[in-house]
Amino acid sequence: MNVTIIGVAGGTGSGKSTLVKRLQEAFADDQVITISHDDYYKAYPDLTYEERTKLNYDHPQSFDTGMMVEQVKLLKDGIPVERPVYSFVEHNRTGETVKVIPSKVIIVEGILIFDNRELRELMDMKVFVDTDADIRLARRLLRDVCDRGRSMESVVEQYVGTVKPMHEEFVEPSKKYADVIIPEGGFNSVAVAMLIENIKSVIHSK
């Protein structure tokens, strides 16, 4: 089976999830799965909840990217994997896993996926979602408060303390590795349509 791997990166709240949803809808007939870097946050079983809340989750070392690389390689070779499940409420892995079946199109999504060379080299196409910082902060506030049960104060404190500086140090510089840059991500209908056509050409060229 010829497998096409598409990387979708960009800052927090940039519109990556919306873009991924649009791609999943466009390539449903080609059997598409999405692997999120967020699922590969490291486990911290020896730390208390209070200690876990103080960790820097926006640094590349917060992720078990090596495990993600190995699982993407296995999927590319047609071998199912058991990916970890992460709880953003508990700031820890749940101990459960989800079986992922190989597919013709694999979307790899995350803020820092272009920072890792080995992961980048597995991708047939790299897409960076570029969105204004004010818009990204507003979206993150809504998501973390409404979906993850966090207080507005804690979200803002984390954004100022780690999210913004880590974005400037790691995420923004990784944009140079992108093949395609899409302002506003999935909300940019014209760019999404062009991206879909480009991906189709990559798939059909295999």
N, C-alpha and C. Protein backbone atom coordinates (compact mmCIF):
# COMPACT_ATOMS: atom_id res chain seq x y z
N MET A 1 0.84 -1.20 0.00
CA MET A 1 0.00 0.00 0.00
C MET A 1 0.88 1.25 0.00
N ASN A 2 0.65 2.12 -0.97
CA ASN A 2 1.34 3.40 -0.99
C ASN A 2 0.72 4.33 0.02
N VAL A 3 1.54 4.86 0.90
CA VAL A 3 1.04 5.72 1.98
C VAL A 3 1.55 7.14 1.78
N THR A 4 0.65 8.10 1.90
CA THR A 4 0.99 9.52 1.81
C THR A 4 0.88 10.13 3.20
N ILE A 5 1.95 10.75 3.67
CA ILE A 5 1.96 11.35 5.00
C ILE A 5 2.02 12.87 4.87
N ILE A 6 1.03 13.52 5.48
CA ILE A 6 0.91 14.98 5.42
C ILE A 6 1.10 15.55 6.81
N GLY A 7 2.04 16.45 6.98
CA GLY A 7 2.26 17.10 8.26
C GLY A 7 1.55 18.43 8.32
N VAL A 8 0.82 18.67 9.40
CA VAL A 8 0.12 19.96 9.59
C VAL A 8 0.59 20.55 10.91
N ALA A 9 1.35 21.64 10.83
CA ALA A 9 1.88 22.29 12.02
C ALA A 9 1.37 23.73 12.10
N GLY A 10 1.71 24.40 13.21
CA GLY A 10 1.29 25.78 13.43
C GLY A 10 1.08 26.02 14.91
N GLY A 11 0.99 27.25 15.28
CA GLY A 11 0.84 27.60 16.69
C GLY A 11 -0.48 27.16 17.29
N THR A 12 -0.55 27.20 18.61
CA THR A 12 -1.78 26.87 19.31
C THR A 12 -2.92 27.77 18.85
N GLY A 13 -4.09 27.19 18.58
CA GLY A 13 -5.25 27.97 18.16
C GLY A 13 -5.15 28.54 16.76
N SER A 14 -4.25 28.00 15.94
CA SER A 14 -4.04 28.58 14.60
C SER A 14 -5.09 28.14 13.59
N GLY A 15 -5.80 27.05 13.89
CA GLY A 15 -6.78 26.53 12.94
C GLY A 15 -6.36 25.20 12.35
N LYS A 16 -5.38 24.54 12.99
CA LYS A 16 -4.91 23.24 12.50
C LYS A 16 -6.03 22.20 12.51
N SER A 17 -6.78 22.16 13.60
CA SER A 17 -7.84 21.13 13.73
C SER A 17 -8.90 21.30 12.66
N THR A 18 -9.25 22.55 12.35
CA THR A 18 -10.23 22.80 11.31
C THR A 18 -9.70 22.38 9.95
N LEU A 19 -8.42 22.66 9.72
CA LEU A 19 -7.80 22.25 8.46
C LEU A 19 -7.78 20.73 8.35
N VAL A 20 -7.39 20.05 9.42
CA VAL A 20 -7.35 18.59 9.42
C VAL A 20 -8.73 18.01 9.13
N LYS A 21 -9.75 18.61 9.72
CA LYS A 21 -11.13 18.14 9.48
C LYS A 21 -11.49 18.28 8.00
N ARG A 22 -11.11 19.39 7.38
CA ARG A 22 -11.39 19.61 5.96
C ARG A 22 -10.66 18.57 5.11
N LEU A 23 -9.44 18.24 5.48
CA LEU A 23 -8.68 17.25 4.72
C LEU A 23 -9.28 15.86 4.90
N GLN A 24 -9.71 15.54 6.12
CA GLN A 24 -10.35 14.25 6.36
C GLN A 24 -11.60 14.08 5.50
N GLU A 25 -12.36 15.14 5.38
CA GLU A 25 -13.58 15.11 4.57
C GLU A 25 -13.24 14.95 3.09
N ALA A 26 -12.16 15.62 2.65
CA ALA A 26 -11.80 15.60 1.23
C ALA A 26 -11.25 14.25 0.79
N PHE A 27 -10.56 13.55 1.72
CA PHE A 27 -9.91 12.30 1.36
C PHE A 27 -10.53 11.08 2.03
N ALA A 28 -11.79 11.20 2.38
CA ALA A 28 -12.48 10.09 3.04
C ALA A 28 -12.44 8.81 2.20
N ASP A 29 -12.53 8.97 0.89
CA ASP A 29 -12.51 7.79 0.00
C ASP A 29 -11.14 7.13 -0.06
N ASP A 30 -10.11 7.86 0.33
CA ASP A 30 -8.74 7.32 0.29
C ASP A 30 -8.32 6.75 1.63
N GLN A 31 -9.26 6.66 2.56
CA GLN A 31 -8.97 6.11 3.89
C GLN A 31 -7.91 6.98 4.58
N VAL A 32 -8.37 7.93 5.38
CA VAL A 32 -7.46 8.86 6.03
C VAL A 32 -7.54 8.70 7.55
N ILE A 33 -6.38 8.76 8.21
CA ILE A 33 -6.33 8.77 9.67
C ILE A 33 -5.47 9.95 10.10
N THR A 34 -5.70 10.41 11.33
CA THR A 34 -4.93 11.53 11.87
C THR A 34 -4.21 11.09 13.14
N ILE A 35 -2.93 11.40 13.21
CA ILE A 35 -2.12 11.14 14.38
C ILE A 35 -1.72 12.49 14.97
N SER A 36 -2.12 12.75 16.21
CA SER A 36 -1.84 14.03 16.85
C SER A 36 -0.64 13.94 17.79
N HIS A 37 0.24 14.91 17.69
CA HIS A 37 1.40 14.97 18.59
C HIS A 37 0.96 15.07 20.04
N ASP A 38 -0.19 15.69 20.28
CA ASP A 38 -0.71 15.86 21.64
C ASP A 38 -0.92 14.53 22.35
N ASP A 39 -1.18 13.46 21.59
CA ASP A 39 -1.39 12.15 22.21
C ASP A 39 -0.10 11.57 22.77
N TYR A 40 1.02 12.16 22.38
CA TYR A 40 2.32 11.62 22.77
C TYR A 40 3.03 12.46 23.83
N TYR A 41 2.27 13.25 24.58
CA TYR A 41 2.87 13.90 25.74
C TYR A 41 3.41 12.82 26.67
N LYS A 42 4.54 13.11 27.29
CA LYS A 42 5.14 12.14 28.20
C LYS A 42 4.27 11.93 29.44
N ALA A 43 4.36 10.74 30.00
CA ALA A 43 3.64 10.42 31.25
C ALA A 43 4.50 10.83 32.44
N TYR A 44 3.83 11.31 33.49
CA TYR A 44 4.53 11.71 34.72
C TYR A 44 3.84 11.06 35.93
N PRO A 45 3.93 9.74 36.02
CA PRO A 45 3.22 9.03 37.11
C PRO A 45 3.75 9.35 38.50
N ASP A 46 4.98 9.82 38.60
CA ASP A 46 5.57 10.07 39.91
C ASP A 46 5.32 11.49 40.43
N LEU A 47 4.69 12.33 39.60
CA LEU A 47 4.43 13.71 40.01
C LEU A 47 2.98 13.88 40.47
N THR A 48 2.76 14.79 41.40
CA THR A 48 1.40 15.11 41.83
C THR A 48 0.73 15.97 40.76
N TYR A 49 -0.59 16.09 40.87
CA TYR A 49 -1.32 16.93 39.91
C TYR A 49 -0.79 18.36 39.94
N GLU A 50 -0.56 18.90 41.13
CA GLU A 50 -0.06 20.27 41.25
C GLU A 50 1.29 20.41 40.57
N GLU A 51 2.15 19.41 40.72
CA GLU A 51 3.47 19.45 40.08
C GLU A 51 3.33 19.38 38.56
N ARG A 52 2.39 18.56 38.09
CA ARG A 52 2.20 18.42 36.64
C ARG A 52 1.68 19.70 36.01
N THR A 53 0.86 20.46 36.74
CA THR A 53 0.31 21.70 36.18
C THR A 53 1.39 22.75 35.96
N LYS A 54 2.54 22.59 36.62
CA LYS A 54 3.60 23.59 36.52
C LYS A 54 4.65 23.26 35.46
N LEU A 55 4.49 22.13 34.79
CA LEU A 55 5.45 21.73 33.76
C LEU A 55 5.29 22.57 32.50
N ASN A 56 6.34 22.66 31.71
CA ASN A 56 6.31 23.37 30.43
C ASN A 56 5.88 22.40 29.33
N TYR A 57 4.62 22.48 28.93
CA TYR A 57 4.08 21.55 27.94
C TYR A 57 4.28 22.03 26.50
N ASP A 58 4.97 23.13 26.34
CA ASP A 58 5.16 23.69 24.99
C ASP A 58 6.60 23.57 24.50
N HIS A 59 7.41 22.82 25.26
CA HIS A 59 8.79 22.56 24.86
C HIS A 59 8.86 21.21 24.16
N PRO A 60 9.71 21.06 23.14
CA PRO A 60 9.81 19.77 22.44
C PRO A 60 10.07 18.58 23.35
N GLN A 61 10.76 18.80 24.47
CA GLN A 61 11.08 17.70 25.38
C GLN A 61 9.86 17.19 26.15
N SER A 62 8.72 17.89 26.05
CA SER A 62 7.50 17.45 26.72
C SER A 62 6.85 16.26 26.01
N PHE A 63 7.28 16.02 24.78
CA PHE A 63 6.68 14.97 23.96
C PHE A 63 7.60 13.76 23.83
N ASP A 64 6.98 12.58 23.74
CA ASP A 64 7.73 11.38 23.40
C ASP A 64 7.68 11.25 21.87
N THR A 65 8.42 12.14 21.21
CA THR A 65 8.39 12.18 19.75
C THR A 65 9.02 10.93 19.15
N GLY A 66 9.97 10.34 19.86
CA GLY A 66 10.57 9.10 19.38
C GLY A 66 9.54 8.00 19.21
N MET A 67 8.63 7.90 20.17
CA MET A 67 7.56 6.91 20.09
C MET A 67 6.64 7.21 18.91
N MET A 68 6.36 8.49 18.70
CA MET A 68 5.50 8.87 17.58
C MET A 68 6.16 8.51 16.25
N VAL A 69 7.44 8.79 16.13
CA VAL A 69 8.18 8.46 14.90
C VAL A 69 8.09 6.97 14.62
N GLU A 70 8.34 6.16 15.63
CA GLU A 70 8.31 4.71 15.45
C GLU A 70 6.92 4.23 15.04
N GLN A 71 5.87 4.81 15.63
CA GLN A 71 4.52 4.37 15.29
C GLN A 71 4.11 4.83 13.89
N VAL A 72 4.55 6.01 13.49
CA VAL A 72 4.26 6.46 12.12
C VAL A 72 4.97 5.56 11.12
N LYS A 73 6.20 5.16 11.42
CA LYS A 73 6.94 4.25 10.55
C LYS A 73 6.21 2.91 10.41
N LEU A 74 5.71 2.40 11.54
CA LEU A 74 4.98 1.13 11.51
C LEU A 74 3.72 1.26 10.65
N LEU A 75 2.98 2.34 10.84
CA LEU A 75 1.76 2.56 10.06
C LEU A 75 2.09 2.66 8.57
N LYS A 76 3.20 3.32 8.27
CA LYS A 76 3.62 3.44 6.87
C LYS A 76 3.93 2.08 6.27
N ASP A 77 4.39 1.15 7.12
CA ASP A 77 4.70 -0.20 6.67
C ASP A 77 3.49 -1.13 6.73
N GLY A 78 2.33 -0.55 7.07
CA GLY A 78 1.11 -1.35 7.09
C GLY A 78 0.87 -2.11 8.38
N ILE A 79 1.52 -1.71 9.46
CA ILE A 79 1.40 -2.42 10.73
C ILE A 79 0.58 -1.57 11.72
N PRO A 80 -0.49 -2.11 12.30
CA PRO A 80 -1.29 -1.36 13.28
C PRO A 80 -0.48 -1.02 14.52
N VAL A 81 -0.86 0.06 15.21
CA VAL A 81 -0.16 0.46 16.44
C VAL A 81 -1.18 0.74 17.53
N GLU A 82 -0.71 0.76 18.77
CA GLU A 82 -1.51 1.13 19.93
C GLU A 82 -0.99 2.47 20.43
N ARG A 83 -1.66 3.55 20.05
CA ARG A 83 -1.18 4.87 20.46
C ARG A 83 -1.68 5.20 21.86
N PRO A 84 -0.92 5.98 22.61
CA PRO A 84 -1.33 6.35 23.97
C PRO A 84 -2.51 7.31 23.98
N VAL A 85 -3.16 7.40 25.13
CA VAL A 85 -4.28 8.35 25.33
C VAL A 85 -3.87 9.33 26.42
N TYR A 86 -4.00 10.61 26.12
CA TYR A 86 -3.57 11.64 27.07
C TYR A 86 -4.77 12.44 27.56
N SER A 87 -4.77 12.74 28.87
CA SER A 87 -5.85 13.54 29.47
C SER A 87 -5.34 14.95 29.75
N PHE A 88 -5.95 15.94 29.10
CA PHE A 88 -5.56 17.33 29.35
C PHE A 88 -6.14 17.85 30.66
N VAL A 89 -7.12 17.15 31.18
CA VAL A 89 -7.69 17.52 32.48
C VAL A 89 -6.74 17.12 33.60
N GLU A 90 -6.18 15.92 33.48
CA GLU A 90 -5.27 15.39 34.51
C GLU A 90 -3.80 15.70 34.22
N HIS A 91 -3.51 16.22 33.02
CA HIS A 91 -2.13 16.48 32.61
C HIS A 91 -1.28 15.21 32.72
N ASN A 92 -1.83 14.11 32.20
CA ASN A 92 -1.11 12.84 32.28
C ASN A 92 -1.74 11.83 31.31
N ARG A 93 -1.00 10.78 30.99
CA ARG A 93 -1.57 9.70 30.19
C ARG A 93 -2.56 8.91 31.04
N THR A 94 -3.56 8.38 30.38
CA THR A 94 -4.60 7.64 31.10
C THR A 94 -4.20 6.20 31.37
N GLY A 95 -3.22 5.70 30.67
CA GLY A 95 -2.86 4.28 30.78
C GLY A 95 -3.56 3.44 29.73
N GLU A 96 -4.54 4.02 29.05
CA GLU A 96 -5.25 3.32 27.99
C GLU A 96 -4.55 3.57 26.65
N THR A 97 -4.89 2.78 25.66
CA THR A 97 -4.38 2.98 24.31
C THR A 97 -5.52 2.85 23.31
N VAL A 98 -5.29 3.36 22.11
CA VAL A 98 -6.25 3.26 21.02
C VAL A 98 -5.56 2.60 19.83
N LYS A 99 -6.19 1.57 19.29
CA LYS A 99 -5.60 0.88 18.14
C LYS A 99 -5.80 1.71 16.88
N VAL A 100 -4.72 1.95 16.16
CA VAL A 100 -4.76 2.73 14.92
C VAL A 100 -4.43 1.80 13.77
N ILE A 101 -5.34 1.76 12.80
CA ILE A 101 -5.18 0.89 11.63
C ILE A 101 -4.50 1.66 10.50
N PRO A 102 -3.54 1.07 9.81
CA PRO A 102 -2.86 1.75 8.70
C PRO A 102 -3.84 2.24 7.64
N SER A 103 -3.47 3.33 6.98
CA SER A 103 -4.34 3.94 5.99
C SER A 103 -3.51 4.49 4.84
N LYS A 104 -4.17 4.78 3.72
CA LYS A 104 -3.46 5.31 2.55
C LYS A 104 -3.00 6.74 2.77
N VAL A 105 -3.74 7.50 3.61
CA VAL A 105 -3.36 8.88 3.91
C VAL A 105 -3.25 9.03 5.42
N ILE A 106 -2.09 9.47 5.89
CA ILE A 106 -1.88 9.71 7.30
C ILE A 106 -1.58 11.19 7.51
N ILE A 107 -2.41 11.85 8.33
CA ILE A 107 -2.18 13.24 8.67
C ILE A 107 -1.51 13.28 10.05
N VAL A 108 -0.34 13.89 10.11
CA VAL A 108 0.38 14.06 11.37
C VAL A 108 0.22 15.52 11.78
N GLU A 109 -0.36 15.74 12.97
CA GLU A 109 -0.73 17.11 13.37
C GLU A 109 -0.11 17.48 14.70
N GLY A 110 0.35 18.75 14.83
CA GLY A 110 0.89 19.20 16.10
C GLY A 110 1.68 20.49 15.97
N ILE A 111 1.85 21.20 17.08
CA ILE A 111 2.53 22.49 17.02
C ILE A 111 4.03 22.34 16.74
N LEU A 112 4.62 21.23 17.15
CA LEU A 112 6.07 21.09 17.10
C LEU A 112 6.55 19.95 16.20
N ILE A 113 5.71 19.46 15.31
CA ILE A 113 6.09 18.29 14.52
C ILE A 113 7.20 18.59 13.51
N PHE A 114 7.38 19.86 13.13
CA PHE A 114 8.45 20.18 12.18
C PHE A 114 9.78 20.41 12.89
N ASP A 115 9.77 20.42 14.21
CA ASP A 115 11.00 20.64 14.97
C ASP A 115 11.89 19.40 14.96
N ASN A 116 11.28 18.23 14.73
CA ASN A 116 12.02 16.97 14.76
C ASN A 116 12.36 16.52 13.34
N ARG A 117 13.65 16.42 13.05
CA ARG A 117 14.09 16.11 11.68
C ARG A 117 13.60 14.74 11.22
N GLU A 118 13.71 13.72 12.08
CA GLU A 118 13.32 12.37 11.69
C GLU A 118 11.83 12.31 11.35
N LEU A 119 11.00 13.04 12.11
CA LEU A 119 9.57 13.06 11.84
C LEU A 119 9.30 13.81 10.54
N ARG A 120 9.99 14.93 10.34
CA ARG A 120 9.82 15.71 9.10
C ARG A 120 10.11 14.86 7.87
N GLU A 121 11.16 14.06 7.95
CA GLU A 121 11.59 13.30 6.78
C GLU A 121 10.62 12.19 6.39
N LEU A 122 9.69 11.87 7.27
CA LEU A 122 8.67 10.87 6.94
C LEU A 122 7.52 11.48 6.12
N MET A 123 7.46 12.80 6.07
CA MET A 123 6.32 13.48 5.47
C MET A 123 6.51 13.73 3.97
N ASP A 124 5.44 13.49 3.22
CA ASP A 124 5.44 13.79 1.79
C ASP A 124 5.14 15.26 1.53
N MET A 125 4.39 15.85 2.45
CA MET A 125 4.05 17.27 2.33
C MET A 125 3.94 17.87 3.72
N LYS A 126 4.50 19.08 3.88
CA LYS A 126 4.48 19.76 5.18
C LYS A 126 3.72 21.08 5.04
N VAL A 127 2.67 21.22 5.86
CA VAL A 127 1.79 22.40 5.80
C VAL A 127 1.89 23.15 7.12
N PHE A 128 2.12 24.44 7.04
CA PHE A 128 2.18 25.27 8.25
C PHE A 128 1.00 26.24 8.24
N VAL A 129 0.25 26.25 9.35
CA VAL A 129 -0.91 27.14 9.48
C VAL A 129 -0.45 28.40 10.21
N ASP A 130 -0.54 29.53 9.54
CA ASP A 130 -0.01 30.80 10.05
C ASP A 130 -1.16 31.74 10.41
N THR A 131 -1.33 32.02 11.69
CA THR A 131 -2.46 32.83 12.16
C THR A 131 -1.98 33.86 13.18
N ASP A 132 -2.59 35.03 13.17
CA ASP A 132 -2.23 36.12 14.07
C ASP A 132 -2.28 35.68 15.53
N ALA A 133 -1.33 36.14 16.33
CA ALA A 133 -1.21 35.72 17.73
C ALA A 133 -2.44 36.05 18.55
N ASP A 134 -3.07 37.20 18.32
CA ASP A 134 -4.26 37.58 19.09
C ASP A 134 -5.41 36.61 18.84
N ILE A 135 -5.56 36.20 17.60
CA ILE A 135 -6.62 35.25 17.26
C ILE A 135 -6.33 33.89 17.89
N ARG A 136 -5.08 33.48 17.86
CA ARG A 136 -4.70 32.18 18.44
C ARG A 136 -4.95 32.16 19.96
N LEU A 137 -4.62 33.28 20.63
CA LEU A 137 -4.85 33.34 22.07
C LEU A 137 -6.34 33.27 22.39
N ALA A 138 -7.16 33.99 21.63
CA ALA A 138 -8.61 33.97 21.87
C ALA A 138 -9.18 32.56 21.69
N ARG A 139 -8.74 31.86 20.66
CA ARG A 139 -9.21 30.50 20.42
C ARG A 139 -8.76 29.56 21.52
N ARG A 140 -7.51 29.73 21.98
CA ARG A 140 -7.01 28.86 23.05
C ARG A 140 -7.79 29.09 24.34
N LEU A 141 -8.11 30.34 24.64
CA LEU A 141 -8.90 30.64 25.83
C LEU A 141 -10.24 29.91 25.80
N LEU A 142 -10.93 30.03 24.68
CA LEU A 142 -12.24 29.38 24.55
C LEU A 142 -12.12 27.87 24.69
N ARG A 143 -11.12 27.29 24.03
CA ARG A 143 -10.94 25.83 24.06
C ARG A 143 -10.62 25.33 25.46
N ASP A 144 -9.64 25.96 26.11
CA ASP A 144 -9.18 25.45 27.40
C ASP A 144 -10.20 25.68 28.51
N VAL A 145 -10.92 26.78 28.45
CA VAL A 145 -11.93 27.07 29.47
C VAL A 145 -13.18 26.21 29.26
N CYS A 146 -13.64 26.14 28.01
CA CYS A 146 -14.90 25.43 27.73
C CYS A 146 -14.72 23.91 27.65
N ASP A 147 -13.61 23.45 27.03
CA ASP A 147 -13.45 22.03 26.76
C ASP A 147 -12.57 21.31 27.77
N ARG A 148 -11.68 22.03 28.43
CA ARG A 148 -10.72 21.38 29.31
C ARG A 148 -10.87 21.80 30.77
N GLY A 149 -11.92 22.57 31.06
CA GLY A 149 -12.26 22.89 32.44
C GLY A 149 -11.26 23.75 33.18
N ARG A 150 -10.51 24.57 32.47
CA ARG A 150 -9.49 25.39 33.12
C ARG A 150 -10.01 26.80 33.37
N SER A 151 -9.38 27.49 34.29
CA SER A 151 -9.76 28.88 34.57
C SER A 151 -9.09 29.81 33.56
N MET A 152 -9.71 30.96 33.30
CA MET A 152 -9.13 31.91 32.37
C MET A 152 -7.76 32.39 32.86
N GLU A 153 -7.64 32.57 34.18
CA GLU A 153 -6.37 33.04 34.74
C GLU A 153 -5.24 32.05 34.47
N SER A 154 -5.52 30.75 34.63
CA SER A 154 -4.47 29.76 34.42
C SER A 154 -4.07 29.68 32.95
N VAL A 155 -5.03 29.86 32.05
CA VAL A 155 -4.74 29.81 30.62
C VAL A 155 -3.85 30.99 30.22
N VAL A 156 -4.20 32.18 30.70
CA VAL A 156 -3.40 33.36 30.38
C VAL A 156 -2.01 33.25 30.97
N GLU A 157 -1.93 32.76 32.21
CA GLU A 157 -0.62 32.61 32.87
C GLU A 157 0.27 31.65 32.09
N GLN A 158 -0.31 30.54 31.64
CA GLN A 158 0.46 29.57 30.87
C GLN A 158 0.88 30.16 29.52
N TYR A 159 -0.02 30.90 28.90
CA TYR A 159 0.28 31.48 27.59
C TYR A 159 1.47 32.43 27.68
N VAL A 160 1.44 33.30 28.68
CA VAL A 160 2.52 34.28 28.85
C VAL A 160 3.81 33.60 29.30
N GLY A 161 3.68 32.60 30.19
CA GLY A 161 4.86 31.96 30.77
C GLY A 161 5.59 31.01 29.86
N THR A 162 4.83 30.19 29.09
CA THR A 162 5.49 29.17 28.25
C THR A 162 5.02 29.14 26.80
N VAL A 163 3.72 29.29 26.56
CA VAL A 163 3.21 29.13 25.19
C VAL A 163 3.83 30.15 24.24
N LYS A 164 3.77 31.42 24.59
CA LYS A 164 4.28 32.48 23.71
C LYS A 164 5.80 32.37 23.51
N PRO A 165 6.58 32.25 24.60
CA PRO A 165 8.03 32.13 24.38
C PRO A 165 8.44 30.87 23.64
N MET A 166 7.77 29.75 23.87
CA MET A 166 8.10 28.52 23.15
C MET A 166 7.69 28.60 21.68
N HIS A 167 6.60 29.32 21.42
CA HIS A 167 6.19 29.54 20.03
C HIS A 167 7.28 30.31 19.29
N GLU A 168 7.78 31.34 19.93
CA GLU A 168 8.80 32.18 19.29
C GLU A 168 10.12 31.44 19.12
N GLU A 169 10.43 30.54 20.08
CA GLU A 169 11.71 29.82 20.02
C GLU A 169 11.68 28.61 19.12
N PHE A 170 10.56 27.88 19.08
CA PHE A 170 10.53 26.61 18.37
C PHE A 170 9.52 26.54 17.22
N VAL A 171 8.29 27.01 17.45
CA VAL A 171 7.24 26.82 16.45
C VAL A 171 7.44 27.73 15.25
N GLU A 172 7.58 29.03 15.50
CA GLU A 172 7.73 29.98 14.39
C GLU A 172 8.95 29.66 13.52
N PRO A 173 10.12 29.35 14.11
CA PRO A 173 11.27 29.00 13.26
C PRO A 173 11.06 27.76 12.41
N SER A 174 10.20 26.82 12.87
CA SER A 174 9.98 25.59 12.11
C SER A 174 9.18 25.83 10.83
N LYS A 175 8.63 27.02 10.70
CA LYS A 175 7.86 27.36 9.49
C LYS A 175 8.72 27.26 8.23
N LYS A 176 10.02 27.43 8.39
CA LYS A 176 10.92 27.39 7.23
C LYS A 176 10.94 26.02 6.56
N TYR A 177 10.50 24.99 7.27
CA TYR A 177 10.50 23.64 6.70
C TYR A 177 9.22 23.34 5.90
N ALA A 178 8.25 24.22 5.96
CA ALA A 178 6.96 23.96 5.32
C ALA A 178 7.05 24.03 3.79
N ASP A 179 6.30 23.15 3.15
CA ASP A 179 6.14 23.21 1.70
C ASP A 179 5.05 24.20 1.33
N VAL A 180 4.04 24.30 2.22
CA VAL A 180 2.89 25.17 1.99
C VAL A 180 2.58 25.92 3.29
N ILE A 181 2.32 27.22 3.20
CA ILE A 181 1.92 28.02 4.35
C ILE A 181 0.51 28.55 4.09
N ILE A 182 -0.41 28.26 5.03
CA ILE A 182 -1.81 28.65 4.87
C ILE A 182 -2.21 29.62 5.97
N PRO A 183 -2.47 30.88 5.64
CA PRO A 183 -2.99 31.81 6.65
C PRO A 183 -4.39 31.39 7.10
N GLU A 184 -4.61 31.35 8.40
CA GLU A 184 -5.93 31.04 8.99
C GLU A 184 -6.34 29.58 8.87
N GLY A 185 -5.49 28.74 8.35
CA GLY A 185 -5.76 27.30 8.34
C GLY A 185 -7.04 26.91 7.63
N GLY A 186 -7.85 26.09 8.30
CA GLY A 186 -9.07 25.56 7.70
C GLY A 186 -10.13 26.60 7.40
N PHE A 187 -9.93 27.82 7.91
CA PHE A 187 -10.89 28.90 7.64
C PHE A 187 -10.60 29.60 6.32
N ASN A 188 -9.47 29.26 5.68
CA ASN A 188 -9.08 29.85 4.41
C ASN A 188 -9.51 28.90 3.29
N SER A 189 -10.73 29.08 2.81
CA SER A 189 -11.32 28.12 1.87
C SER A 189 -10.56 28.03 0.55
N VAL A 190 -10.07 29.15 0.05
CA VAL A 190 -9.34 29.14 -1.22
C VAL A 190 -8.05 28.35 -1.08
N ALA A 191 -7.29 28.63 -0.01
CA ALA A 191 -6.03 27.93 0.20
C ALA A 191 -6.25 26.44 0.46
N VAL A 192 -7.32 26.10 1.18
CA VAL A 192 -7.61 24.69 1.46
C VAL A 192 -7.91 23.95 0.17
N ALA A 193 -8.68 24.56 -0.71
CA ALA A 193 -9.02 23.93 -1.99
C ALA A 193 -7.76 23.68 -2.82
N MET A 194 -6.85 24.65 -2.83
CA MET A 194 -5.59 24.48 -3.56
C MET A 194 -4.73 23.39 -2.93
N LEU A 195 -4.72 23.34 -1.60
CA LEU A 195 -3.95 22.31 -0.89
C LEU A 195 -4.47 20.92 -1.22
N ILE A 196 -5.78 20.76 -1.22
CA ILE A 196 -6.39 19.47 -1.52
C ILE A 196 -5.97 18.98 -2.91
N GLU A 197 -5.96 19.89 -3.87
CA GLU A 197 -5.55 19.52 -5.23
C GLU A 197 -4.08 19.12 -5.27
N ASN A 198 -3.23 19.83 -4.51
CA ASN A 198 -1.81 19.48 -4.46
C ASN A 198 -1.59 18.11 -3.84
N ILE A 199 -2.35 17.81 -2.77
CA ILE A 199 -2.22 16.50 -2.12
C ILE A 199 -2.68 15.39 -3.06
N LYS A 200 -3.75 15.65 -3.80
CA LYS A 200 -4.23 14.65 -4.77
C LYS A 200 -3.15 14.32 -5.79
N SER A 201 -2.42 15.36 -6.23
CA SER A 201 -1.36 15.13 -7.22
C SER A 201 -0.24 14.30 -6.63
N VAL A 202 0.06 14.52 -5.33
CA VAL A 202 1.10 13.72 -4.66
C VAL A 202 0.65 12.27 -4.56
N ILE A 203 -0.60 12.05 -4.18
CA ILE A 203 -1.12 10.69 -4.03
C ILE A 203 -1.10 9.95 -5.36
N HIS A 204 -1.54 10.63 -6.41
CA HIS A 204 -1.65 9.98 -7.70
C HIS A 204 -0.29 9.77 -8.36
N SER A 205 0.73 10.49 -7.90
CA SER A 205 2.06 10.33 -8.49
C SER A 205 2.78 9.11 -7.94
N LYS A 206 2.23 8.49 -6.89
CA LYS A 206 2.87 7.33 -6.26
C LYS A 206 2.52 6.05 -7.00
